[in-house]
């Protein structure tokens, strides 16, 4: 099963792919307009170029966000291994301290009995 964040990331990247295809279509439309035998229509060129620039900016923003979120992705962030090991080490330390306290208690009792 794919995590939700990864699924939405894939969806955003799929939309970027569609935008890239649209940008290429716009570039083709501009080339067709420039190659027009009657000359290019300035309103069509302006419209295509404006859409091209907006799409490029949107693509850049989305890709930056995806790269940033990919860098923040930690596949083992929900893993509790470190916490469990840390707890086990603390328990062993406590057992050792209790053992030493018991030894000290016995030594004190022996000293009291010997006096």
PDB file of N, CA and C in Angstrom:
ATOM      1  N   UNK A   1       0.843  -1.180   0.000  1.00  0.00           N
ATOM      2  CA  UNK A   1       0.000   0.000   0.000  1.00  0.00           C
ATOM      3  C   UNK A   1       0.889   1.244   0.000  1.00  0.00           C
ATOM      4  N   UNK A   2       0.572   2.247  -0.821  1.00  0.00           N
ATOM      5  CA  UNK A   2       1.354   3.466  -0.958  1.00  0.00           C
ATOM      6  C   UNK A   2       0.882   4.489   0.075  1.00  0.00           C
ATOM      7  N   UNK A   3       1.815   5.097   0.847  1.00  0.00           N
ATOM      8  CA  UNK A   3       1.401   6.104   1.813  1.00  0.00           C
ATOM      9  C   UNK A   3       0.709   7.273   1.121  1.00  0.00           C
ATOM     10  N   UNK A   4      -0.207   7.933   1.848  1.00  0.00           N
ATOM     11  CA  UNK A   4      -0.994   9.028   1.285  1.00  0.00           C
ATOM     12  C   UNK A   4      -0.107  10.155   0.768  1.00  0.00           C
ATOM     13  N   UNK A   5       0.935  10.533   1.530  1.00  0.00           N
ATOM     14  CA  UNK A   5       1.800  11.634   1.109  1.00  0.00           C
ATOM     15  C   UNK A   5       2.529  11.284  -0.185  1.00  0.00           C
ATOM     16  N   UNK A   6       2.937  10.020  -0.313  1.00  0.00           N
ATOM     17  CA  UNK A   6       3.622   9.598  -1.523  1.00  0.00           C
ATOM     18  C   UNK A   6       2.644   9.573  -2.697  1.00  0.00           C
ATOM     19  N   UNK A   7       1.405   9.176  -2.442  1.00  0.00           N
ATOM     20  CA  UNK A   7       0.387   9.126  -3.478  1.00  0.00           C
ATOM     21  C   UNK A   7       0.116  10.531  -4.004  1.00  0.00           C
ATOM     22  N   UNK A   8      -0.071  11.503  -3.120  1.00  0.00           N
ATOM     23  CA  UNK A   8      -0.339  12.869  -3.561  1.00  0.00           C
ATOM     24  C   UNK A   8       0.880  13.445  -4.268  1.00  0.00           C
ATOM     25  N   UNK A   9       2.063  13.067  -3.842  1.00  0.00           N
ATOM     26  CA  UNK A   9       3.275  13.517  -4.513  1.00  0.00           C
ATOM     27  C   UNK A   9       3.307  12.991  -5.941  1.00  0.00           C
ATOM     28  N   UNK A  10       2.969  11.736  -6.116  1.00  0.00           N
ATOM     29  CA  UNK A  10       2.920  11.155  -7.458  1.00  0.00           C
ATOM     30  C   UNK A  10       1.862  11.836  -8.316  1.00  0.00           C
ATOM     31  N   UNK A  11       0.747  12.200  -7.699  1.00  0.00           N
ATOM     32  CA  UNK A  11      -0.313  12.899  -8.438  1.00  0.00           C
ATOM     33  C   UNK A  11       0.176  14.278  -8.887  1.00  0.00           C
ATOM     34  N   UNK A  12       0.881  14.990  -7.986  1.00  0.00           N
ATOM     35  CA  UNK A  12       1.405  16.311  -8.349  1.00  0.00           C
ATOM     36  C   UNK A  12       2.438  16.193  -9.461  1.00  0.00           C
ATOM     37  N   UNK A  13       3.287  15.177  -9.395  1.00  0.00           N
ATOM     38  CA  UNK A  13       4.280  14.982 -10.450  1.00  0.00           C
ATOM     39  C   UNK A  13       3.611  14.608 -11.776  1.00  0.00           C
ATOM     40  N   UNK A  14       2.524  13.870 -11.702  1.00  0.00           N
ATOM     41  CA  UNK A  14       1.775  13.547 -12.918  1.00  0.00           C
ATOM     42  C   UNK A  14       1.204  14.825 -13.536  1.00  0.00           C
ATOM     43  N   UNK A  15       0.693  15.733 -12.705  1.00  0.00           N
ATOM     44  CA  UNK A  15       0.185  17.009 -13.210  1.00  0.00           C
ATOM     45  C   UNK A  15       1.309  17.840 -13.827  1.00  0.00           C
ATOM     46  N   UNK A  16       2.487  17.787 -13.234  1.00  0.00           N
ATOM     47  CA  UNK A  16       3.640  18.491 -13.805  1.00  0.00           C
ATOM     48  C   UNK A  16       3.947  17.928 -15.186  1.00  0.00           C
ATOM     49  N   UNK A  17       3.887  16.627 -15.309  1.00  0.00           N
ATOM     50  CA  UNK A  17       4.134  16.008 -16.609  1.00  0.00           C
ATOM     51  C   UNK A  17       3.140  16.516 -17.644  1.00  0.00           C
ATOM     52  N   UNK A  18       1.868  16.623 -17.257  1.00  0.00           N
ATOM     53  CA  UNK A  18       0.845  17.138 -18.175  1.00  0.00           C
ATOM     54  C   UNK A  18       1.132  18.594 -18.537  1.00  0.00           C
ATOM     55  N   UNK A  19       1.578  19.385 -17.544  1.00  0.00           N
ATOM     56  CA  UNK A  19       1.909  20.788 -17.821  1.00  0.00           C
ATOM     57  C   UNK A  19       3.092  20.898 -18.783  1.00  0.00           C
ATOM     58  N   UNK A  20       4.060  20.013 -18.637  1.00  0.00           N
ATOM     59  CA  UNK A  20       5.221  20.025 -19.540  1.00  0.00           C
ATOM     60  C   UNK A  20       4.770  19.731 -20.966  1.00  0.00           C
ATOM     61  N   UNK A  21       3.862  18.777 -21.118  1.00  0.00           N
ATOM     62  CA  UNK A  21       3.328  18.469 -22.445  1.00  0.00           C
ATOM     63  C   UNK A  21       2.617  19.693 -23.010  1.00  0.00           C
ATOM     64  N   UNK A  22       1.851  20.377 -22.157  1.00  0.00           N
ATOM     65  CA  UNK A  22       1.145  21.593 -22.607  1.00  0.00           C
ATOM     66  C   UNK A  22       2.141  22.681 -23.013  1.00  0.00           C
ATOM     67  N   UNK A  23       3.230  22.828 -22.265  1.00  0.00           N
ATOM     68  CA  UNK A  23       4.248  23.825 -22.592  1.00  0.00           C
ATOM     69  C   UNK A  23       4.846  23.523 -23.967  1.00  0.00           C
ATOM     70  N   UNK A  24       5.101  22.251 -24.233  1.00  0.00           N
ATOM     71  CA  UNK A  24       5.629  21.880 -25.547  1.00  0.00           C
ATOM     72  C   UNK A  24       4.615  22.169 -26.656  1.00  0.00           C
ATOM     73  N   UNK A  25       3.347  21.936 -26.368  1.00  0.00           N
ATOM     74  CA  UNK A  25       2.304  22.266 -27.341  1.00  0.00           C
ATOM     75  C   UNK A  25       2.283  23.769 -27.609  1.00  0.00           C
ATOM     76  N   UNK A  26       2.402  24.554 -26.539  1.00  0.00           N
ATOM     77  CA  UNK A  26       2.420  26.013 -26.702  1.00  0.00           C
ATOM     78  C   UNK A  26       3.613  26.466 -27.538  1.00  0.00           C
ATOM     79  N   UNK A  27       4.769  25.860 -27.291  1.00  0.00           N
ATOM     80  CA  UNK A  27       5.955  26.199 -28.076  1.00  0.00           C
ATOM     81  C   UNK A  27       5.703  25.877 -29.551  1.00  0.00           C
ATOM     82  N   UNK A  28       5.062  24.753 -29.824  1.00  0.00           N
ATOM     83  CA  UNK A  28       4.718  24.394 -31.202  1.00  0.00           C
ATOM     84  C   UNK A  28       3.748  25.382 -31.818  1.00  0.00           C
ATOM     85  N   UNK A  29       2.759  25.827 -31.038  1.00  0.00           N
ATOM     86  CA  UNK A  29       1.799  26.806 -31.542  1.00  0.00           C
ATOM     87  C   UNK A  29       2.486  28.128 -31.885  1.00  0.00           C
ATOM     88  N   UNK A  30       3.432  28.528 -31.033  1.00  0.00           N
ATOM     89  CA  UNK A  30       4.173  29.759 -31.309  1.00  0.00           C
ATOM     90  C   UNK A  30       4.987  29.608 -32.591  1.00  0.00           C
ATOM     91  N   UNK A  31       5.640  28.462 -32.756  1.00  0.00           N
ATOM     92  CA  UNK A  31       6.428  28.218 -33.976  1.00  0.00           C
ATOM     93  C   UNK A  31       5.527  28.230 -35.213  1.00  0.00           C
ATOM     94  N   UNK A  32       4.348  27.625 -35.108  1.00  0.00           N
ATOM     95  CA  UNK A  32       3.392  27.647 -36.224  1.00  0.00           C
ATOM     96  C   UNK A  32       2.976  29.074 -36.544  1.00  0.00           C
ATOM     97  N   UNK A  33       2.729  29.839 -35.503  1.00  0.00           N
ATOM     98  CA  UNK A  33       2.303  31.229 -35.692  1.00  0.00           C
ATOM     99  C   UNK A  33       3.406  32.045 -36.352  1.00  0.00           C
ATOM    100  N   UNK A  34       4.657  31.829 -35.908  1.00  0.00           N
ATOM    101  CA  UNK A  34       5.779  32.555 -36.502  1.00  0.00           C
ATOM    102  C   UNK A  34       6.009  32.146 -37.958  1.00  0.00           C
ATOM    103  N   UNK A  35       5.688  30.897 -38.285  1.00  0.00           N
ATOM    104  CA  UNK A  35       5.892  30.395 -39.646  1.00  0.00           C
ATOM    105  C   UNK A  35       4.709  30.689 -40.561  1.00  0.00           C
ATOM    106  N   UNK A  36       3.671  31.308 -40.029  1.00  0.00           N
ATOM    107  CA  UNK A  36       2.478  31.605 -40.813  1.00  0.00           C
ATOM    108  C   UNK A  36       2.846  32.492 -42.008  1.00  0.00           C
ATOM    109  N   UNK A  37       2.376  32.125 -43.203  1.00  0.00           N
ATOM    110  CA  UNK A  37       2.737  32.855 -44.433  1.00  0.00           C
ATOM    111  C   UNK A  37       2.206  34.288 -44.436  1.00  0.00           C
ATOM    112  N   UNK A  38       1.125  34.525 -43.717  1.00  0.00           N
ATOM    113  CA  UNK A  38       0.572  35.888 -43.652  1.00  0.00           C
ATOM    114  C   UNK A  38       1.179  36.682 -42.509  1.00  0.00           C
ATOM    115  N   UNK A  39       2.075  36.085 -41.780  1.00  0.00           N
ATOM    116  CA  UNK A  39       2.710  36.760 -40.649  1.00  0.00           C
ATOM    117  C   UNK A  39       2.045  36.366 -39.342  1.00  0.00           C
ATOM    118  N   UNK A  40       2.799  36.485 -38.271  1.00  0.00           N
ATOM    119  CA  UNK A  40       2.243  36.080 -36.972  1.00  0.00           C
ATOM    120  C   UNK A  40       1.210  37.077 -36.455  1.00  0.00           C
ATOM    121  N   UNK A  41       0.192  36.534 -35.792  1.00  0.00           N
ATOM    122  CA  UNK A  41      -0.797  37.395 -35.132  1.00  0.00           C
ATOM    123  C   UNK A  41      -0.264  37.729 -33.740  1.00  0.00           C
ATOM    124  N   UNK A  42      -0.110  38.977 -33.453  1.00  0.00           N
ATOM    125  CA  UNK A  42       0.503  39.381 -32.189  1.00  0.00           C
ATOM    126  C   UNK A  42      -0.341  38.981 -30.984  1.00  0.00           C
ATOM    127  N   UNK A  43      -1.676  39.023 -31.130  1.00  0.00           N
ATOM    128  CA  UNK A  43      -2.525  38.632 -30.001  1.00  0.00           C
ATOM    129  C   UNK A  43      -2.361  37.147 -29.682  1.00  0.00           C
ATOM    130  N   UNK A  44      -2.246  36.306 -30.709  1.00  0.00           N
ATOM    131  CA  UNK A  44      -2.050  34.868 -30.495  1.00  0.00           C
ATOM    132  C   UNK A  44      -0.682  34.605 -29.880  1.00  0.00           C
ATOM    133  N   UNK A  45       0.341  35.300 -30.399  1.00  0.00           N
ATOM    134  CA  UNK A  45       1.685  35.135 -29.833  1.00  0.00           C
ATOM    135  C   UNK A  45       1.717  35.558 -28.370  1.00  0.00           C
ATOM    136  N   UNK A  46       1.105  36.691 -28.069  1.00  0.00           N
ATOM    137  CA  UNK A  46       1.071  37.187 -26.690  1.00  0.00           C
ATOM    138  C   UNK A  46       0.367  36.202 -25.775  1.00  0.00           C
ATOM    139  N   UNK A  47      -0.761  35.692 -26.220  1.00  0.00           N
ATOM    140  CA  UNK A  47      -1.529  34.744 -25.411  1.00  0.00           C
ATOM    141  C   UNK A  47      -0.732  33.461 -25.157  1.00  0.00           C
ATOM    142  N   UNK A  48      -0.147  32.913 -26.225  1.00  0.00           N
ATOM    143  CA  UNK A  48       0.624  31.670 -26.081  1.00  0.00           C
ATOM    144  C   UNK A  48       1.853  31.884 -25.200  1.00  0.00           C
ATOM    145  N   UNK A  49       2.547  32.992 -25.395  1.00  0.00           N
ATOM    146  CA  UNK A  49       3.748  33.266 -24.596  1.00  0.00           C
ATOM    147  C   UNK A  49       3.405  33.482 -23.126  1.00  0.00           C
ATOM    148  N   UNK A  50       2.302  34.171 -22.869  1.00  0.00           N
ATOM    149  CA  UNK A  50       1.879  34.393 -21.480  1.00  0.00           C
ATOM    150  C   UNK A  50       1.564  33.065 -20.804  1.00  0.00           C
ATOM    151  N   UNK A  51       0.787  32.218 -21.498  1.00  0.00           N
ATOM    152  CA  UNK A  51       0.454  30.905 -20.927  1.00  0.00           C
ATOM    153  C   UNK A  51       1.714  30.065 -20.743  1.00  0.00           C
ATOM    154  N   UNK A  52       2.638  30.161 -21.688  1.00  0.00           N
ATOM    155  CA  UNK A  52       3.902  29.434 -21.602  1.00  0.00           C
ATOM    156  C   UNK A  52       4.658  29.840 -20.344  1.00  0.00           C
ATOM    157  N   UNK A  53       4.802  31.137 -20.108  1.00  0.00           N
ATOM    158  CA  UNK A  53       5.567  31.626 -18.954  1.00  0.00           C
ATOM    159  C   UNK A  53       4.892  31.260 -17.632  1.00  0.00           C
ATOM    160  N   UNK A  54       3.573  31.368 -17.577  1.00  0.00           N
ATOM    161  CA  UNK A  54       2.855  30.995 -16.348  1.00  0.00           C
ATOM    162  C   UNK A  54       3.024  29.508 -16.078  1.00  0.00           C
ATOM    163  N   UNK A  55       2.930  28.704 -17.125  1.00  0.00           N
ATOM    164  CA  UNK A  55       3.083  27.259 -16.954  1.00  0.00           C
ATOM    165  C   UNK A  55       4.493  26.900 -16.501  1.00  0.00           C
ATOM    166  N   UNK A  56       5.488  27.531 -17.083  1.00  0.00           N
ATOM    167  CA  UNK A  56       6.877  27.271 -16.679  1.00  0.00           C
ATOM    168  C   UNK A  56       7.070  27.618 -15.213  1.00  0.00           C
ATOM    169  N   UNK A  57       6.534  28.759 -14.794  1.00  0.00           N
ATOM    170  CA  UNK A  57       6.657  29.172 -13.385  1.00  0.00           C
ATOM    171  C   UNK A  57       5.968  28.159 -12.464  1.00  0.00           C
ATOM    172  N   UNK A  58       4.770  27.713 -12.841  1.00  0.00           N
ATOM    173  CA  UNK A  58       4.049  26.718 -12.033  1.00  0.00           C
ATOM    174  C   UNK A  58       4.822  25.402 -11.948  1.00  0.00           C
ATOM    175  N   UNK A  59       5.407  24.999 -13.059  1.00  0.00           N
ATOM    176  CA  UNK A  59       6.199  23.768 -13.081  1.00  0.00           C
ATOM    177  C   UNK A  59       7.392  23.901 -12.146  1.00  0.00           C
ATOM    178  N   UNK A  60       8.087  25.025 -12.219  1.00  0.00           N
ATOM    179  CA  UNK A  60       9.250  25.241 -11.356  1.00  0.00           C
ATOM    180  C   UNK A  60       8.862  25.207  -9.883  1.00  0.00           C
ATOM    181  N   UNK A  61       7.784  25.892  -9.525  1.00  0.00           N
ATOM    182  CA  UNK A  61       7.344  25.936  -8.124  1.00  0.00           C
ATOM    183  C   UNK A  61       7.002  24.534  -7.629  1.00  0.00           C
ATOM    184  N   UNK A  62       6.231  23.805  -8.428  1.00  0.00           N
ATOM    185  CA  UNK A  62       5.824  22.454  -8.020  1.00  0.00           C
ATOM    186  C   UNK A  62       7.026  21.537  -7.878  1.00  0.00           C
ATOM    187  N   UNK A  63       7.954  21.602  -8.831  1.00  0.00           N
ATOM    188  CA  UNK A  63       9.136  20.742  -8.751  1.00  0.00           C
ATOM    189  C   UNK A  63       9.999  21.103  -7.542  1.00  0.00           C
ATOM    190  N   UNK A  64      10.147  22.387  -7.244  1.00  0.00           N
ATOM    191  CA  UNK A  64      10.900  22.784  -6.041  1.00  0.00           C
ATOM    192  C   UNK A  64      10.262  22.217  -4.777  1.00  0.00           C
ATOM    193  N   UNK A  65       8.939  22.312  -4.699  1.00  0.00           N
ATOM    194  CA  UNK A  65       8.229  21.783  -3.528  1.00  0.00           C
ATOM    195  C   UNK A  65       8.410  20.276  -3.417  1.00  0.00           C
ATOM    196  N   UNK A  66       8.329  19.584  -4.536  1.00  0.00           N
ATOM    197  CA  UNK A  66       8.487  18.129  -4.519  1.00  0.00           C
ATOM    198  C   UNK A  66       9.905  17.730  -4.133  1.00  0.00           C
ATOM    199  N   UNK A  67      10.892  18.465  -4.623  1.00  0.00           N
ATOM    200  CA  UNK A  67      12.275  18.167  -4.258  1.00  0.00           C
ATOM    201  C   UNK A  67      12.485  18.416  -2.781  1.00  0.00           C
ATOM    202  N   UNK A  68      11.928  19.513  -2.276  1.00  0.00           N
ATOM    203  CA  UNK A  68      12.052  19.816  -0.842  1.00  0.00           C
ATOM    204  C   UNK A  68      11.373  18.743  -0.001  1.00  0.00           C
ATOM    205  N   UNK A  69      10.178  18.333  -0.395  1.00  0.00           N
ATOM    206  CA  UNK A  69       9.478  17.310   0.398  1.00  0.00           C
ATOM    207  C   UNK A  69      10.183  15.962   0.281  1.00  0.00           C
ATOM    208  N   UNK A  70      10.811  15.681  -0.836  1.00  0.00           N
ATOM    209  CA  UNK A  70      11.562  14.424  -0.981  1.00  0.00           C
ATOM    210  C   UNK A  70      12.767  14.425  -0.050  1.00  0.00           C
ATOM    211  N   UNK A  71      13.384  15.586   0.127  1.00  0.00           N
ATOM    212  CA  UNK A  71      14.530  15.681   1.034  1.00  0.00           C
ATOM    213  C   UNK A  71      14.097  15.513   2.486  1.00  0.00           C
ATOM    214  N   UNK A  72      12.861  15.903   2.783  1.00  0.00           N
ATOM    215  CA  UNK A  72      12.357  15.787   4.160  1.00  0.00           C
ATOM    216  C   UNK A  72      11.806  14.396   4.449  1.00  0.00           C
ATOM    217  N   UNK A  73      11.595  13.591   3.415  1.00  0.00           N
ATOM    218  CA  UNK A  73      11.005  12.266   3.582  1.00  0.00           C
ATOM    219  C   UNK A  73      11.961  11.357   4.342  1.00  0.00           C
ATOM    220  N   UNK A  74      11.453  10.733   5.384  1.00  0.00           N
ATOM    221  CA  UNK A  74      12.238   9.806   6.190  1.00  0.00           C
ATOM    222  C   UNK A  74      11.477   8.484   6.228  1.00  0.00           C
ATOM    223  N   UNK A  75      11.942   7.479   5.481  1.00  0.00           N
ATOM    224  CA  UNK A  75      11.174   6.239   5.386  1.00  0.00           C
ATOM    225  C   UNK A  75      11.014   5.507   6.717  1.00  0.00           C
ATOM    226  N   UNK A  76      11.937   5.731   7.677  1.00  0.00           N
ATOM    227  CA  UNK A  76      11.858   5.010   8.946  1.00  0.00           C
ATOM    228  C   UNK A  76      11.453   5.915  10.091  1.00  0.00           C
ATOM    229  N   UNK A  77      10.806   7.061   9.793  1.00  0.00           N
ATOM    230  CA  UNK A  77      10.486   7.999  10.851  1.00  0.00           C
ATOM    231  C   UNK A  77       9.481   7.427  11.855  1.00  0.00           C
ATOM    232  N   UNK A  78       8.668   6.472  11.464  1.00  0.00           N
ATOM    233  CA  UNK A  78       7.694   5.896  12.382  1.00  0.00           C
ATOM    234  C   UNK A  78       8.237   4.642  13.066  1.00  0.00           C
ATOM    235  N   UNK A  79       9.472   4.308  12.793  1.00  0.00           N
ATOM    236  CA  UNK A  79      10.099   3.135  13.389  1.00  0.00           C
ATOM    237  C   UNK A  79      10.407   3.430  14.853  1.00  0.00           C
ATOM    238  N   UNK A  80      10.100   2.492  15.722  1.00  0.00           N
ATOM    239  CA  UNK A  80      10.330   2.699  17.154  1.00  0.00           C
ATOM    240  C   UNK A  80      11.572   1.945  17.652  1.00  0.00           C
ATOM    241  N   UNK A  81      12.409   1.508  16.745  1.00  0.00           N
ATOM    242  CA  UNK A  81      13.595   0.736  17.114  1.00  0.00           C
ATOM    243  C   UNK A  81      14.481   1.507  18.093  1.00  0.00           C
ATOM    244  N   UNK A  82      14.811   2.757  17.762  1.00  0.00           N
ATOM    245  CA  UNK A  82      15.689   3.541  18.631  1.00  0.00           C
ATOM    246  C   UNK A  82      15.096   3.705  20.031  1.00  0.00           C
ATOM    247  N   UNK A  83      13.812   3.984  20.100  1.00  0.00           N
ATOM    248  CA  UNK A  83      13.162   4.149  21.402  1.00  0.00           C
ATOM    249  C   UNK A  83      13.185   2.850  22.195  1.00  0.00           C
ATOM    250  N   UNK A  84      12.924   1.722  21.530  1.00  0.00           N
ATOM    251  CA  UNK A  84      12.937   0.437  22.233  1.00  0.00           C
ATOM    252  C   UNK A  84      14.327   0.096  22.743  1.00  0.00           C
ATOM    253  N   UNK A  85      15.338   0.292  21.928  1.00  0.00           N
ATOM    254  CA  UNK A  85      16.711  -0.002  22.339  1.00  0.00           C
ATOM    255  C   UNK A  85      17.116   0.916  23.489  1.00  0.00           C
ATOM    256  N   UNK A  86      16.748   2.174  23.380  1.00  0.00           N
ATOM    257  CA  UNK A  86      17.058   3.133  24.449  1.00  0.00           C
ATOM    258  C   UNK A  86      16.394   2.702  25.761  1.00  0.00           C
ATOM    259  N   UNK A  87      15.143   2.263  25.690  1.00  0.00           N
ATOM    260  CA  UNK A  87      14.442   1.777  26.880  1.00  0.00           C
ATOM    261  C   UNK A  87      15.117   0.541  27.461  1.00  0.00           C
ATOM    262  N   UNK A  88      15.522  -0.381  26.604  1.00  0.00           N
ATOM    263  CA  UNK A  88      16.198  -1.589  27.089  1.00  0.00           C
ATOM    264  C   UNK A  88      17.513  -1.245  27.774  1.00  0.00           C
ATOM    265  N   UNK A  89      18.253  -0.319  27.215  1.00  0.00           N
ATOM    266  CA  UNK A  89      19.520   0.104  27.828  1.00  0.00           C
ATOM    267  C   UNK A  89      19.256   0.750  29.177  1.00  0.00           C
ATOM    268  N   UNK A  90      18.237   1.605  29.248  1.00  0.00           N
ATOM    269  CA  UNK A  90      17.891   2.232  30.537  1.00  0.00           C
ATOM    270  C   UNK A  90      17.495   1.191  31.568  1.00  0.00           C
ATOM    271  N   UNK A  91      16.741   0.187  31.152  1.00  0.00           N
ATOM    272  CA  UNK A  91      16.344  -0.879  32.086  1.00  0.00           C
ATOM    273  C   UNK A  91      17.570  -1.636  32.593  1.00  0.00           C
ATOM    274  N   UNK A  92      18.496  -1.942  31.705  1.00  0.00           N
ATOM    275  CA  UNK A  92      19.722  -2.639  32.123  1.00  0.00           C
ATOM    276  C   UNK A  92      20.527  -1.778  33.099  1.00  0.00           C
ATOM    277  N   UNK A  93      20.595  -0.481  32.840  1.00  0.00           N
ATOM    278  CA  UNK A  93      21.302   0.422  33.759  1.00  0.00           C
ATOM    279  C   UNK A  93      20.631   0.449  35.128  1.00  0.00           C
ATOM    280  N   UNK A  94      19.296   0.500  35.123  1.00  0.00           N
ATOM    281  CA  UNK A  94      18.571   0.495  36.395  1.00  0.00           C
ATOM    282  C   UNK A  94      18.791  -0.816  37.149  1.00  0.00           C
ATOM    283  N   UNK A  95      18.755  -1.937  36.433  1.00  0.00           N
ATOM    284  CA  UNK A  95      19.014  -3.227  37.077  1.00  0.00           C
ATOM    285  C   UNK A  95      20.404  -3.238  37.706  1.00  0.00           C
ATOM    286  N   UNK A  96      21.388  -2.684  37.001  1.00  0.00           N
ATOM    287  CA  UNK A  96      22.755  -2.630  37.513  1.00  0.00           C
ATOM    288  C   UNK A  96      22.829  -1.750  38.765  1.00  0.00           C
ATOM    289  N   UNK A  97      22.169  -0.583  38.726  1.00  0.00           N
ATOM    290  CA  UNK A  97      22.174   0.324  39.886  1.00  0.00           C
ATOM    291  C   UNK A  97      21.491  -0.341  41.072  1.00  0.00           C
ATOM    292  N   UNK A  98      20.370  -1.016  40.841  1.00  0.00           N
ATOM    293  CA  UNK A  98      19.661  -1.704  41.932  1.00  0.00           C
ATOM    294  C   UNK A  98      20.534  -2.801  42.516  1.00  0.00           C
ATOM    295  N   UNK A  99      21.224  -3.540  41.655  1.00  0.00           N
ATOM    296  CA  UNK A  99      22.128  -4.593  42.122  1.00  0.00           C
ATOM    297  C   UNK A  99      23.225  -3.999  43.013  1.00  0.00           C
ATOM    298  N   UNK A 100      23.804  -2.893  42.587  1.00  0.00           N
ATOM    299  CA  UNK A 100      24.869  -2.253  43.378  1.00  0.00           C
ATOM    300  C   UNK A 100      24.327  -1.685  44.681  1.00  0.00           C
ATOM    301  N   UNK A 101      23.112  -1.154  44.654  1.00  0.00           N
ATOM    302  CA  UNK A 101      22.503  -0.664  45.898  1.00  0.00           C
ATOM    303  C   UNK A 101      22.253  -1.815  46.867  1.00  0.00           C
ATOM    304  N   UNK A 102      21.800  -2.939  46.335  1.00  0.00           N
ATOM    305  CA  UNK A 102      21.601  -4.122  47.179  1.00  0.00           C
ATOM    306  C   UNK A 102      22.926  -4.574  47.791  1.00  0.00           C
ATOM    307  N   UNK A 103      23.984  -4.561  46.981  1.00  0.00           N
ATOM    308  CA  UNK A 103      25.311  -4.914  47.500  1.00  0.00           C
ATOM    309  C   UNK A 103      25.740  -3.950  48.604  1.00  0.00           C
ATOM    310  N   UNK A 104      25.500  -2.668  48.375  1.00  0.00           N
ATOM    311  CA  UNK A 104      25.859  -1.663  49.393  1.00  0.00           C
ATOM    312  C   UNK A 104      25.043  -1.878  50.666  1.00  0.00           C
ATOM    313  N   UNK A 105      23.767  -2.204  50.507  1.00  0.00           N
ATOM    314  CA  UNK A 105      22.898  -2.444  51.659  1.00  0.00           C
ATOM    315  C   UNK A 105      23.406  -3.641  52.454  1.00  0.00           C
ATOM    316  N   UNK A 106      23.792  -4.709  51.754  1.00  0.00           N
ATOM    317  CA  UNK A 106      24.328  -5.887  52.434  1.00  0.00           C
ATOM    318  C   UNK A 106      25.643  -5.550  53.144  1.00  0.00           C
ATOM    319  N   UNK A 107      26.476  -4.773  52.518  1.00  0.00           N
ATOM    320  CA  UNK A 107      27.756  -4.380  53.153  1.00  0.00           C
ATOM    321  C   UNK A 107      27.504  -3.562  54.410  1.00  0.00           C
ATOM    322  N   UNK A 108      26.533  -2.649  54.337  1.00  0.00           N
ATOM    323  CA  UNK A 108      26.209  -1.827  55.509  1.00  0.00           C
ATOM    324  C   UNK A 108      25.681  -2.703  56.627  1.00  0.00           C
ATOM    325  N   UNK A 109      24.790  -3.648  56.286  1.00  0.00           N
ATOM    326  CA  UNK A 109      24.225  -4.548  57.297  1.00  0.00           C
ATOM    327  C   UNK A 109      25.334  -5.410  57.925  1.00  0.00           C
ATOM    328  N   UNK A 110      26.271  -5.865  57.118  1.00  0.00           N
ATOM    329  CA  UNK A 110      27.374  -6.687  57.633  1.00  0.00           C
ATOM    330  C   UNK A 110      28.251  -5.856  58.576  1.00  0.00           C
ATOM    331  N   UNK A 111      28.466  -4.607  58.216  1.00  0.00           N
ATOM    332  CA  UNK A 111      29.260  -3.735  59.075  1.00  0.00           C
ATOM    333  C   UNK A 111      28.552  -3.480  60.410  1.00  0.00           C
ATOM    334  N   UNK A 112      27.237  -3.306  60.376  1.00  0.00           N
ATOM    335  CA  UNK A 112      26.472  -3.072  61.588  1.00  0.00           C
ATOM    336  C   UNK A 112      26.483  -4.326  62.475  1.00  0.00           C
ATOM    337  N   UNK A 113      26.348  -5.504  61.840  1.00  0.00           N
ATOM    338  CA  UNK A 113      26.357  -6.757  62.582  1.00  0.00           C
ATOM    339  C   UNK A 113      27.730  -7.043  63.177  1.00  0.00           C
ATOM    340  N   UNK A 114      28.770  -6.630  62.490  1.00  0.00           N
ATOM    341  CA  UNK A 114      30.131  -6.875  62.964  1.00  0.00           C
ATOM    342  C   UNK A 114      30.507  -5.968  64.116  1.00  0.00           C
ATOM    343  N   UNK A 115      29.883  -4.853  64.268  1.00  0.00           N
ATOM    344  CA  UNK A 115      30.224  -3.916  65.359  1.00  0.00           C
ATOM    345  C   UNK A 115      29.566  -4.272  66.595  1.00  0.00           C
TER     346      UNK A 115
END
